[in-house]
PDB file of N, CA and C in Angstrom:
ATOM      1  N   UNK A   1      -8.591 -51.075 -10.957  1.00  0.00           N
ATOM      2  CA  UNK A   1      -7.079 -51.556 -10.231  1.00  0.00           C
ATOM      3  C   UNK A   1      -6.354 -50.786 -11.421  1.00  0.00           C
ATOM      4  N   UNK A   2      -5.504 -50.070 -11.826  1.00  0.00           N
ATOM      5  CA  UNK A   2      -4.334 -49.360 -12.309  1.00  0.00           C
ATOM      6  C   UNK A   2      -3.184 -50.049 -12.700  1.00  0.00           C
ATOM      7  N   UNK A   3      -2.532 -49.546 -13.824  1.00  0.00           N
ATOM      8  CA  UNK A   3      -1.598 -49.469 -14.021  1.00  0.00           C
ATOM      9  C   UNK A   3      -0.605 -50.198 -13.286  1.00  0.00           C
ATOM     10  N   UNK A   4      -0.378 -48.984 -12.633  1.00  0.00           N
ATOM     11  CA  UNK A   4       0.470 -48.343 -10.742  1.00  0.00           C
ATOM     12  C   UNK A   4       0.438 -49.365  -9.936  1.00  0.00           C
ATOM     13  N   UNK A   5      -1.004 -50.558 -10.198  1.00  0.00           N
ATOM     14  CA  UNK A   5      -1.115 -50.894  -8.523  1.00  0.00           C
ATOM     15  C   UNK A   5      -0.033 -52.477  -7.884  1.00  0.00           C
ATOM     16  N   UNK A   6      -0.662 -52.508  -6.963  1.00  0.00           N
ATOM     17  CA  UNK A   6       1.500 -53.773  -6.818  1.00  0.00           C
ATOM     18  C   UNK A   6       1.003 -54.697  -7.614  1.00  0.00           C
ATOM     19  N   UNK A   7      -0.299 -55.260  -7.801  1.00  0.00           N
ATOM     20  CA  UNK A   7      -0.183 -56.119  -8.310  1.00  0.00           C
ATOM     21  C   UNK A   7       0.946 -56.982  -9.854  1.00  0.00           C
ATOM     22  N   UNK A   8       1.046 -58.214  -9.644  1.00  0.00           N
ATOM     23  CA  UNK A   8       2.229 -58.914 -10.074  1.00  0.00           C
ATOM     24  C   UNK A   8       1.397 -58.764 -11.762  1.00  0.00           C
ATOM     25  N   UNK A   9       3.261 -58.165 -11.963  1.00  0.00           N
ATOM     26  CA  UNK A   9       3.015 -58.072 -13.771  1.00  0.00           C
ATOM     27  C   UNK A   9       2.126 -58.725 -14.834  1.00  0.00           C
ATOM     28  N   UNK A  10       2.203 -60.228 -14.814  1.00  0.00           N
ATOM     29  CA  UNK A  10       1.969 -60.569 -15.726  1.00  0.00           C
ATOM     30  C   UNK A  10      -0.020 -60.832 -15.585  1.00  0.00           C
ATOM     31  N   UNK A  11      -0.091 -60.813 -13.483  1.00  0.00           N
ATOM     32  CA  UNK A  11      -1.374 -60.605 -13.459  1.00  0.00           C
ATOM     33  C   UNK A  11      -2.215 -59.111 -14.375  1.00  0.00           C
ATOM     34  N   UNK A  12      -1.063 -57.915 -14.254  1.00  0.00           N
ATOM     35  CA  UNK A  12      -1.865 -56.454 -14.377  1.00  0.00           C
ATOM     36  C   UNK A  12      -2.078 -56.431 -15.951  1.00  0.00           C
ATOM     37  N   UNK A  13      -0.716 -57.992 -16.430  1.00  0.00           N
ATOM     38  CA  UNK A  13      -1.381 -57.967 -18.490  1.00  0.00           C
ATOM     39  C   UNK A  13      -2.612 -58.508 -18.343  1.00  0.00           C
ATOM     40  N   UNK A  14      -2.839 -59.441 -17.852  1.00  0.00           N
ATOM     41  CA  UNK A  14      -4.123 -59.892 -17.977  1.00  0.00           C
ATOM     42  C   UNK A  14      -5.957 -59.175 -17.404  1.00  0.00           C
ATOM     43  N   UNK A  15      -5.876 -59.083 -16.786  1.00  0.00           N
ATOM     44  CA  UNK A  15      -6.529 -57.882 -16.453  1.00  0.00           C
ATOM     45  C   UNK A  15      -7.034 -56.765 -16.759  1.00  0.00           C
ATOM     46  N   UNK A  16      -6.179 -56.050 -17.390  1.00  0.00           N
ATOM     47  CA  UNK A  16      -5.932 -55.103 -18.536  1.00  0.00           C
ATOM     48  C   UNK A  16      -6.222 -56.061 -20.091  1.00  0.00           C
ATOM     49  N   UNK A  17      -5.885 -57.114 -20.329  1.00  0.00           N
ATOM     50  CA  UNK A  17      -6.566 -57.855 -22.165  1.00  0.00           C
ATOM     51  C   UNK A  17      -7.771 -57.352 -21.996  1.00  0.00           C
ATOM     52  N   UNK A  18      -8.910 -58.135 -20.741  1.00  0.00           N
ATOM     53  CA  UNK A  18      -9.336 -57.894 -21.390  1.00  0.00           C
ATOM     54  C   UNK A  18     -11.184 -57.518 -21.510  1.00  0.00           C
ATOM     55  N   UNK A  19     -12.495 -58.100 -21.640  1.00  0.00           N
ATOM     56  CA  UNK A  19     -13.493 -56.530 -22.185  1.00  0.00           C
ATOM     57  C   UNK A  19     -14.293 -56.882 -21.338  1.00  0.00           C
ATOM     58  N   UNK A  20     -15.139 -56.023 -20.822  1.00  0.00           N
ATOM     59  CA  UNK A  20     -15.844 -56.033 -20.146  1.00  0.00           C
ATOM     60  C   UNK A  20     -16.762 -57.290 -20.190  1.00  0.00           C
ATOM     61  N   UNK A  21     -17.175 -57.808 -18.824  1.00  0.00           N
ATOM     62  CA  UNK A  21     -17.568 -59.105 -18.905  1.00  0.00           C
ATOM     63  C   UNK A  21     -17.086 -60.139 -19.225  1.00  0.00           C
ATOM     64  N   UNK A  22     -15.779 -60.197 -19.854  1.00  0.00           N
ATOM     65  CA  UNK A  22     -15.369 -61.348 -19.995  1.00  0.00           C
ATOM     66  C   UNK A  22     -13.624 -62.220 -18.954  1.00  0.00           C
ATOM     67  N   UNK A  23     -14.103 -63.635 -18.905  1.00  0.00           N
ATOM     68  CA  UNK A  23     -13.526 -64.045 -17.838  1.00  0.00           C
ATOM     69  C   UNK A  23     -11.546 -64.419 -18.763  1.00  0.00           C
ATOM     70  N   UNK A  24     -11.079 -64.045 -18.349  1.00  0.00           N
ATOM     71  CA  UNK A  24      -9.163 -64.392 -18.597  1.00  0.00           C
ATOM     72  C   UNK A  24      -9.323 -65.414 -17.514  1.00  0.00           C
ATOM     73  N   UNK A  25      -8.619 -66.392 -18.632  1.00  0.00           N
ATOM     74  CA  UNK A  25      -7.582 -67.073 -17.634  1.00  0.00           C
ATOM     75  C   UNK A  25      -7.429 -68.266 -18.184  1.00  0.00           C
ATOM     76  N   UNK A  26      -7.295 -69.363 -17.079  1.00  0.00           N
ATOM     77  CA  UNK A  26      -6.074 -69.013 -16.064  1.00  0.00           C
ATOM     78  C   UNK A  26      -5.337 -68.137 -16.562  1.00  0.00           C
ATOM     79  N   UNK A  27      -4.824 -67.834 -15.473  1.00  0.00           N
ATOM     80  CA  UNK A  27      -3.403 -66.945 -15.621  1.00  0.00           C
ATOM     81  C   UNK A  27      -2.220 -67.184 -13.849  1.00  0.00           C
ATOM     82  N   UNK A  28      -1.087 -67.779 -14.311  1.00  0.00           N
ATOM     83  CA  UNK A  28      -0.023 -68.539 -13.938  1.00  0.00           C
ATOM     84  C   UNK A  28       0.614 -67.451 -13.255  1.00  0.00           C
ATOM     85  N   UNK A  29       0.822 -66.832 -12.211  1.00  0.00           N
ATOM     86  CA  UNK A  29       1.991 -65.924 -11.374  1.00  0.00           C
ATOM     87  C   UNK A  29       2.254 -66.943 -10.305  1.00  0.00           C
ATOM     88  N   UNK A  30       3.386 -65.982  -9.965  1.00  0.00           N
ATOM     89  CA  UNK A  30       4.038 -66.979  -8.891  1.00  0.00           C
ATOM     90  C   UNK A  30       3.433 -67.059  -7.283  1.00  0.00           C
ATOM     91  N   UNK A  31       1.980 -66.263  -7.626  1.00  0.00           N
ATOM     92  CA  UNK A  31       0.565 -66.228  -6.280  1.00  0.00           C
ATOM     93  C   UNK A  31      -0.492 -67.953  -6.940  1.00  0.00           C
ATOM     94  N   UNK A  32      -0.219 -68.713  -7.917  1.00  0.00           N
ATOM     95  CA  UNK A  32      -0.761 -69.696  -7.800  1.00  0.00           C
ATOM     96  C   UNK A  32      -1.267 -69.282  -9.522  1.00  0.00           C
ATOM     97  N   UNK A  33      -2.721 -69.879  -9.430  1.00  0.00           N
ATOM     98  CA  UNK A  33      -3.882 -69.066 -10.483  1.00  0.00           C
ATOM     99  C   UNK A  33      -4.991 -68.920 -10.559  1.00  0.00           C
ATOM    100  N   UNK A  34      -5.143 -67.636 -11.614  1.00  0.00           N
ATOM    101  CA  UNK A  34      -5.912 -66.439 -11.260  1.00  0.00           C
ATOM    102  C   UNK A  34      -6.979 -67.443 -12.601  1.00  0.00           C
ATOM    103  N   UNK A  35      -8.315 -67.052 -11.788  1.00  0.00           N
ATOM    104  CA  UNK A  35      -9.778 -66.210 -12.972  1.00  0.00           C
ATOM    105  C   UNK A  35      -9.778 -64.960 -12.981  1.00  0.00           C
ATOM    106  N   UNK A  36      -9.585 -64.038 -13.723  1.00  0.00           N
ATOM    107  CA  UNK A  36     -10.631 -62.536 -13.729  1.00  0.00           C
ATOM    108  C   UNK A  36     -11.598 -62.358 -14.632  1.00  0.00           C
ATOM    109  N   UNK A  37     -12.367 -62.073 -13.916  1.00  0.00           N
ATOM    110  CA  UNK A  37     -13.369 -61.750 -14.475  1.00  0.00           C
ATOM    111  C   UNK A  37     -13.143 -59.628 -15.202  1.00  0.00           C
ATOM    112  N   UNK A  38     -13.375 -58.739 -15.816  1.00  0.00           N
ATOM    113  CA  UNK A  38     -13.288 -57.299 -16.444  1.00  0.00           C
ATOM    114  C   UNK A  38     -14.721 -57.866 -16.235  1.00  0.00           C
ATOM    115  N   UNK A  39     -15.514 -56.276 -15.158  1.00  0.00           N
ATOM    116  CA  UNK A  39     -16.418 -55.914 -14.287  1.00  0.00           C
ATOM    117  C   UNK A  39     -16.623 -55.091 -15.475  1.00  0.00           C
ATOM    118  N   UNK A  40     -16.207 -54.247 -15.419  1.00  0.00           N
ATOM    119  CA  UNK A  40     -15.737 -52.960 -16.090  1.00  0.00           C
ATOM    120  C   UNK A  40     -14.727 -51.791 -16.549  1.00  0.00           C
ATOM    121  N   UNK A  41     -14.618 -51.831 -17.416  1.00  0.00           N
ATOM    122  CA  UNK A  41     -13.628 -50.369 -17.132  1.00  0.00           C
ATOM    123  C   UNK A  41     -13.671 -48.844 -17.384  1.00  0.00           C
ATOM    124  N   UNK A  42     -12.874 -47.913 -17.031  1.00  0.00           N
ATOM    125  CA  UNK A  42     -13.216 -46.433 -16.683  1.00  0.00           C
ATOM    126  C   UNK A  42     -11.850 -46.216 -17.365  1.00  0.00           C
ATOM    127  N   UNK A  43     -11.906 -44.904 -17.691  1.00  0.00           N
ATOM    128  CA  UNK A  43     -10.655 -44.619 -18.985  1.00  0.00           C
ATOM    129  C   UNK A  43     -10.725 -43.410 -17.801  1.00  0.00           C
ATOM    130  N   UNK A  44      -9.084 -43.496 -17.268  1.00  0.00           N
ATOM    131  CA  UNK A  44      -8.743 -43.378 -16.360  1.00  0.00           C
ATOM    132  C   UNK A  44      -7.919 -40.990 -16.141  1.00  0.00           C
ATOM    133  N   UNK A  45      -7.959 -40.324 -14.662  1.00  0.00           N
ATOM    134  CA  UNK A  45      -7.278 -39.269 -15.016  1.00  0.00           C
ATOM    135  C   UNK A  45      -6.669 -38.923 -15.245  1.00  0.00           C
ATOM    136  N   UNK A  46      -5.876 -38.202 -15.074  1.00  0.00           N
ATOM    137  CA  UNK A  46      -4.117 -37.294 -14.641  1.00  0.00           C
ATOM    138  C   UNK A  46      -4.615 -37.301 -13.433  1.00  0.00           C
ATOM    139  N   UNK A  47      -3.511 -37.201 -12.369  1.00  0.00           N
ATOM    140  CA  UNK A  47      -3.648 -37.097 -10.820  1.00  0.00           C
ATOM    141  C   UNK A  47      -3.660 -35.692 -10.793  1.00  0.00           C
ATOM    142  N   UNK A  48      -3.959 -35.085  -9.815  1.00  0.00           N
ATOM    143  CA  UNK A  48      -3.832 -33.244  -9.378  1.00  0.00           C
ATOM    144  C   UNK A  48      -2.448 -33.533  -8.802  1.00  0.00           C
ATOM    145  N   UNK A  49      -1.844 -32.034  -8.757  1.00  0.00           N
ATOM    146  CA  UNK A  49      -0.714 -31.864  -7.934  1.00  0.00           C
ATOM    147  C   UNK A  49      -1.046 -32.591  -6.494  1.00  0.00           C
ATOM    148  N   UNK A  50      -2.062 -32.440  -6.163  1.00  0.00           N
ATOM    149  CA  UNK A  50      -2.682 -32.445  -3.942  1.00  0.00           C
ATOM    150  C   UNK A  50      -2.247 -34.048  -4.388  1.00  0.00           C
ATOM    151  N   UNK A  51      -3.024 -34.739  -5.310  1.00  0.00           N
ATOM    152  CA  UNK A  51      -3.122 -36.041  -5.627  1.00  0.00           C
ATOM    153  C   UNK A  51      -1.637 -36.482  -4.892  1.00  0.00           C
ATOM    154  N   UNK A  52      -1.026 -36.478  -6.257  1.00  0.00           N
ATOM    155  CA  UNK A  52       0.161 -36.689  -6.455  1.00  0.00           C
ATOM    156  C   UNK A  52       1.877 -36.367  -4.406  1.00  0.00           C
ATOM    157  N   UNK A  53       1.863 -35.676  -5.080  1.00  0.00           N
ATOM    158  CA  UNK A  53       1.753 -34.729  -3.742  1.00  0.00           C
ATOM    159  C   UNK A  53       1.740 -35.461  -2.485  1.00  0.00           C
ATOM    160  N   UNK A  54       0.251 -35.814  -1.973  1.00  0.00           N
ATOM    161  CA  UNK A  54      -0.065 -36.890  -1.134  1.00  0.00           C
ATOM    162  C   UNK A  54       0.287 -38.169  -1.386  1.00  0.00           C
ATOM    163  N   UNK A  55       0.425 -39.158  -2.310  1.00  0.00           N
ATOM    164  CA  UNK A  55       1.150 -39.905  -2.605  1.00  0.00           C
ATOM    165  C   UNK A  55       2.305 -40.264  -2.798  1.00  0.00           C
ATOM    166  N   UNK A  56       3.384 -39.098  -3.302  1.00  0.00           N
ATOM    167  CA  UNK A  56       5.058 -39.192  -2.599  1.00  0.00           C
ATOM    168  C   UNK A  56       4.834 -38.800  -1.252  1.00  0.00           C
ATOM    169  N   UNK A  57       4.379 -37.789  -0.197  1.00  0.00           N
ATOM    170  CA  UNK A  57       4.779 -38.121   0.760  1.00  0.00           C
ATOM    171  C   UNK A  57       4.377 -39.312   1.504  1.00  0.00           C
ATOM    172  N   UNK A  58       3.487 -39.954   1.296  1.00  0.00           N
ATOM    173  CA  UNK A  58       3.839 -41.380   1.456  1.00  0.00           C
ATOM    174  C   UNK A  58       4.199 -42.201   1.668  1.00  0.00           C
ATOM    175  N   UNK A  59       4.274 -41.985  -0.051  1.00  0.00           N
ATOM    176  CA  UNK A  59       5.611 -43.018   0.051  1.00  0.00           C
ATOM    177  C   UNK A  59       7.119 -43.440   0.587  1.00  0.00           C
ATOM    178  N   UNK A  60       7.266 -41.347   0.759  1.00  0.00           N
ATOM    179  CA  UNK A  60       8.482 -41.621   1.480  1.00  0.00           C
ATOM    180  C   UNK A  60       8.871 -41.761   2.799  1.00  0.00           C
ATOM    181  N   UNK A  61       7.565 -40.994   3.263  1.00  0.00           N
ATOM    182  CA  UNK A  61       7.049 -41.734   4.319  1.00  0.00           C
ATOM    183  C   UNK A  61       7.222 -43.371   4.996  1.00  0.00           C
ATOM    184  N   UNK A  62       6.754 -43.737   4.418  1.00  0.00           N
ATOM    185  CA  UNK A  62       6.683 -45.492   4.673  1.00  0.00           C
ATOM    186  C   UNK A  62       8.446 -45.629   4.524  1.00  0.00           C
ATOM    187  N   UNK A  63       9.202 -44.844   3.383  1.00  0.00           N
ATOM    188  CA  UNK A  63      10.408 -45.342   3.623  1.00  0.00           C
ATOM    189  C   UNK A  63      10.885 -45.528   4.589  1.00  0.00           C
ATOM    190  N   UNK A  64      10.773 -44.121   5.141  1.00  0.00           N
ATOM    191  CA  UNK A  64      12.070 -44.538   6.441  1.00  0.00           C
ATOM    192  C   UNK A  64      11.104 -44.616   8.111  1.00  0.00           C
ATOM    193  N   UNK A  65       9.858 -44.833   7.468  1.00  0.00           N
ATOM    194  CA  UNK A  65       9.235 -45.941   8.318  1.00  0.00           C
ATOM    195  C   UNK A  65      10.458 -47.507   8.967  1.00  0.00           C
ATOM    196  N   UNK A  66      10.429 -48.025   7.271  1.00  0.00           N
ATOM    197  CA  UNK A  66      10.848 -48.759   6.627  1.00  0.00           C
ATOM    198  C   UNK A  66      12.152 -49.201   6.962  1.00  0.00           C
ATOM    199  N   UNK A  67      12.877 -48.024   6.290  1.00  0.00           N
ATOM    200  CA  UNK A  67      14.669 -48.174   7.424  1.00  0.00           C
ATOM    201  C   UNK A  67      15.139 -48.137   9.041  1.00  0.00           C
ATOM    202  N   UNK A  68      13.815 -47.447   9.430  1.00  0.00           N
ATOM    203  CA  UNK A  68      14.187 -47.258  10.921  1.00  0.00           C
ATOM    204  C   UNK A  68      14.035 -48.240  11.530  1.00  0.00           C
ATOM    205  N   UNK A  69      13.461 -49.202  11.144  1.00  0.00           N
ATOM    206  CA  UNK A  69      12.937 -50.628  11.539  1.00  0.00           C
ATOM    207  C   UNK A  69      13.323 -51.090  10.732  1.00  0.00           C
ATOM    208  N   UNK A  70      14.290 -51.456  10.106  1.00  0.00           N
ATOM    209  CA  UNK A  70      15.391 -52.407   9.869  1.00  0.00           C
ATOM    210  C   UNK A  70      16.425 -51.416  10.362  1.00  0.00           C
ATOM    211  N   UNK A  71      16.530 -50.565  11.023  1.00  0.00           N
ATOM    212  CA  UNK A  71      18.188 -49.607  11.502  1.00  0.00           C
ATOM    213  C   UNK A  71      17.430 -50.759  13.184  1.00  0.00           C
ATOM    214  N   UNK A  72      16.161 -50.526  13.757  1.00  0.00           N
ATOM    215  CA  UNK A  72      16.744 -51.207  15.582  1.00  0.00           C
ATOM    216  C   UNK A  72      16.442 -52.525  15.618  1.00  0.00           C
ATOM    217  N   UNK A  73      16.424 -53.441  14.054  1.00  0.00           N
ATOM    218  CA  UNK A  73      17.276 -54.877  13.464  1.00  0.00           C
ATOM    219  C   UNK A  73      18.083 -54.993  14.361  1.00  0.00           C
ATOM    220  N   UNK A  74      18.956 -54.186  12.877  1.00  0.00           N
ATOM    221  CA  UNK A  74      19.875 -54.270  12.889  1.00  0.00           C
ATOM    222  C   UNK A  74      21.116 -54.382  14.098  1.00  0.00           C
ATOM    223  N   UNK A  75      20.254 -53.107  14.962  1.00  0.00           N
ATOM    224  CA  UNK A  75      20.621 -52.820  16.362  1.00  0.00           C
ATOM    225  C   UNK A  75      20.826 -53.017  17.782  1.00  0.00           C
ATOM    226  N   UNK A  76      19.483 -54.385  17.469  1.00  0.00           N
ATOM    227  CA  UNK A  76      18.562 -54.643  18.179  1.00  0.00           C
ATOM    228  C   UNK A  76      20.078 -55.828  19.685  1.00  0.00           C
ATOM    229  N   UNK A  77      19.317 -55.938  20.306  1.00  0.00           N
ATOM    230  CA  UNK A  77      20.672 -56.761  21.619  1.00  0.00           C
ATOM    231  C   UNK A  77      19.024 -57.213  22.471  1.00  0.00           C
ATOM    232  N   UNK A  78      19.333 -58.574  22.033  1.00  0.00           N
ATOM    233  CA  UNK A  78      18.728 -59.626  22.496  1.00  0.00           C
ATOM    234  C   UNK A  78      19.015 -60.295  23.949  1.00  0.00           C
ATOM    235  N   UNK A  79      18.072 -60.329  24.504  1.00  0.00           N
ATOM    236  CA  UNK A  79      19.032 -61.605  26.180  1.00  0.00           C
ATOM    237  C   UNK A  79      18.208 -61.886  26.713  1.00  0.00           C
ATOM    238  N   UNK A  80      17.927 -63.254  26.334  1.00  0.00           N
ATOM    239  CA  UNK A  80      16.561 -64.375  27.348  1.00  0.00           C
ATOM    240  C   UNK A  80      17.125 -65.081  27.705  1.00  0.00           C
ATOM    241  N   UNK A  81      16.372 -64.685  29.146  1.00  0.00           N
ATOM    242  CA  UNK A  81      16.602 -64.749  30.554  1.00  0.00           C
ATOM    243  C   UNK A  81      15.960 -66.679  30.836  1.00  0.00           C
ATOM    244  N   UNK A  82      16.447 -67.278  30.872  1.00  0.00           N
ATOM    245  CA  UNK A  82      15.903 -69.132  31.291  1.00  0.00           C
ATOM    246  C   UNK A  82      15.099 -69.074  32.134  1.00  0.00           C
ATOM    247  N   UNK A  83      15.276 -68.405  32.921  1.00  0.00           N
ATOM    248  CA  UNK A  83      14.378 -68.336  34.128  1.00  0.00           C
ATOM    249  C   UNK A  83      12.897 -68.293  33.819  1.00  0.00           C
ATOM    250  N   UNK A  84      12.866 -66.732  33.316  1.00  0.00           N
ATOM    251  CA  UNK A  84      11.803 -66.320  32.251  1.00  0.00           C
ATOM    252  C   UNK A  84      10.196 -67.436  31.712  1.00  0.00           C
ATOM    253  N   UNK A  85      11.267 -68.044  30.843  1.00  0.00           N
ATOM    254  CA  UNK A  85      11.396 -68.593  29.857  1.00  0.00           C
ATOM    255  C   UNK A  85      10.630 -70.408  30.829  1.00  0.00           C
ATOM    256  N   UNK A  86      10.434 -70.638  31.814  1.00  0.00           N
ATOM    257  CA  UNK A  86      11.040 -71.767  32.707  1.00  0.00           C
ATOM    258  C   UNK A  86       9.576 -71.445  33.879  1.00  0.00           C
ATOM    259  N   UNK A  87       8.876 -70.252  33.675  1.00  0.00           N
ATOM    260  CA  UNK A  87       7.302 -70.015  35.101  1.00  0.00           C
ATOM    261  C   UNK A  87       8.897 -69.459  36.054  1.00  0.00           C
ATOM    262  N   UNK A  88       9.597 -69.441  36.207  1.00  0.00           N
ATOM    263  CA  UNK A  88       9.752 -69.573  37.835  1.00  0.00           C
ATOM    264  C   UNK A  88      10.104 -68.640  37.935  1.00  0.00           C
ATOM    265  N   UNK A  89       9.934 -67.957  39.441  1.00  0.00           N
ATOM    266  CA  UNK A  89      10.570 -66.642  38.977  1.00  0.00           C
ATOM    267  C   UNK A  89      12.031 -65.643  40.567  1.00  0.00           C
TER     268      UNK A  89
END
């Protein structure tokens, strides 16, 4: 896990505060209570340009797809044919 991971703040703070082999918790978050065991800590390294470029492209693609799906939902016109629901032809 990294500091920029999608976990909630309380969980990340507890996870990064533990020493190797230490169990931290219980930690309360919006998702419930957690016990966290720190198995290993490694020093991170700066990302390369290519790694950042791929990450940014993926985030932009995800944003565009999400916006497109929202537009489709907002403009969709759904019609329900009652006879289709009853199983009659």
